[in-house]
Amino acid sequence: QVHLVESGGGLVQPGGSLRLSCVVSGRIFSIYAMDWYRQAPGKQRELVATMTSGGSTNYTDSVKGRFTISRDDAKNTAYLQMNSLKPEDTAVYYCHANRISTIESMGIITNPSADYWGRGTQVTVSS
């Protein structure tokens, strides 16, 4: 089975920085896309940043220039470096991955329709 676990959230003052990590565990062969989403109280979950296995990245406009997504495929880990944090960045941040290929007894298996989510980590930006 595939599991995603986030860490690194916490309380930070405006202008501060945090680095989130997401570790994907399981019999992982490859991961196509890894993303970070966030959900603030009373709001819909939104895509914050995404990174493909080829290195392509995309960010929502509100975090461009402040957040950086990266990944270490040898460790099956994604990161979100968040700088110049603002109170409006306060949310639960979720790691998401899709098109994960796993090593099974019959070979490499990919379920293109499967989505994998972590349980989230709380980020609070407040003075």
Foldseek 3Di string as FASTA:
>chain_A
DKAKAKDWADEAAAQAKIKMKIFIDDQFDDFFKKFKWWDDPPGDIGTAKMAGPVGDMDGDPVQPPFWDWDDDGVRRMIMIIGGRDDQVVWTWMKMKTAQTWGQDPVGTDTDRPDMHIHPTDTHGYHD
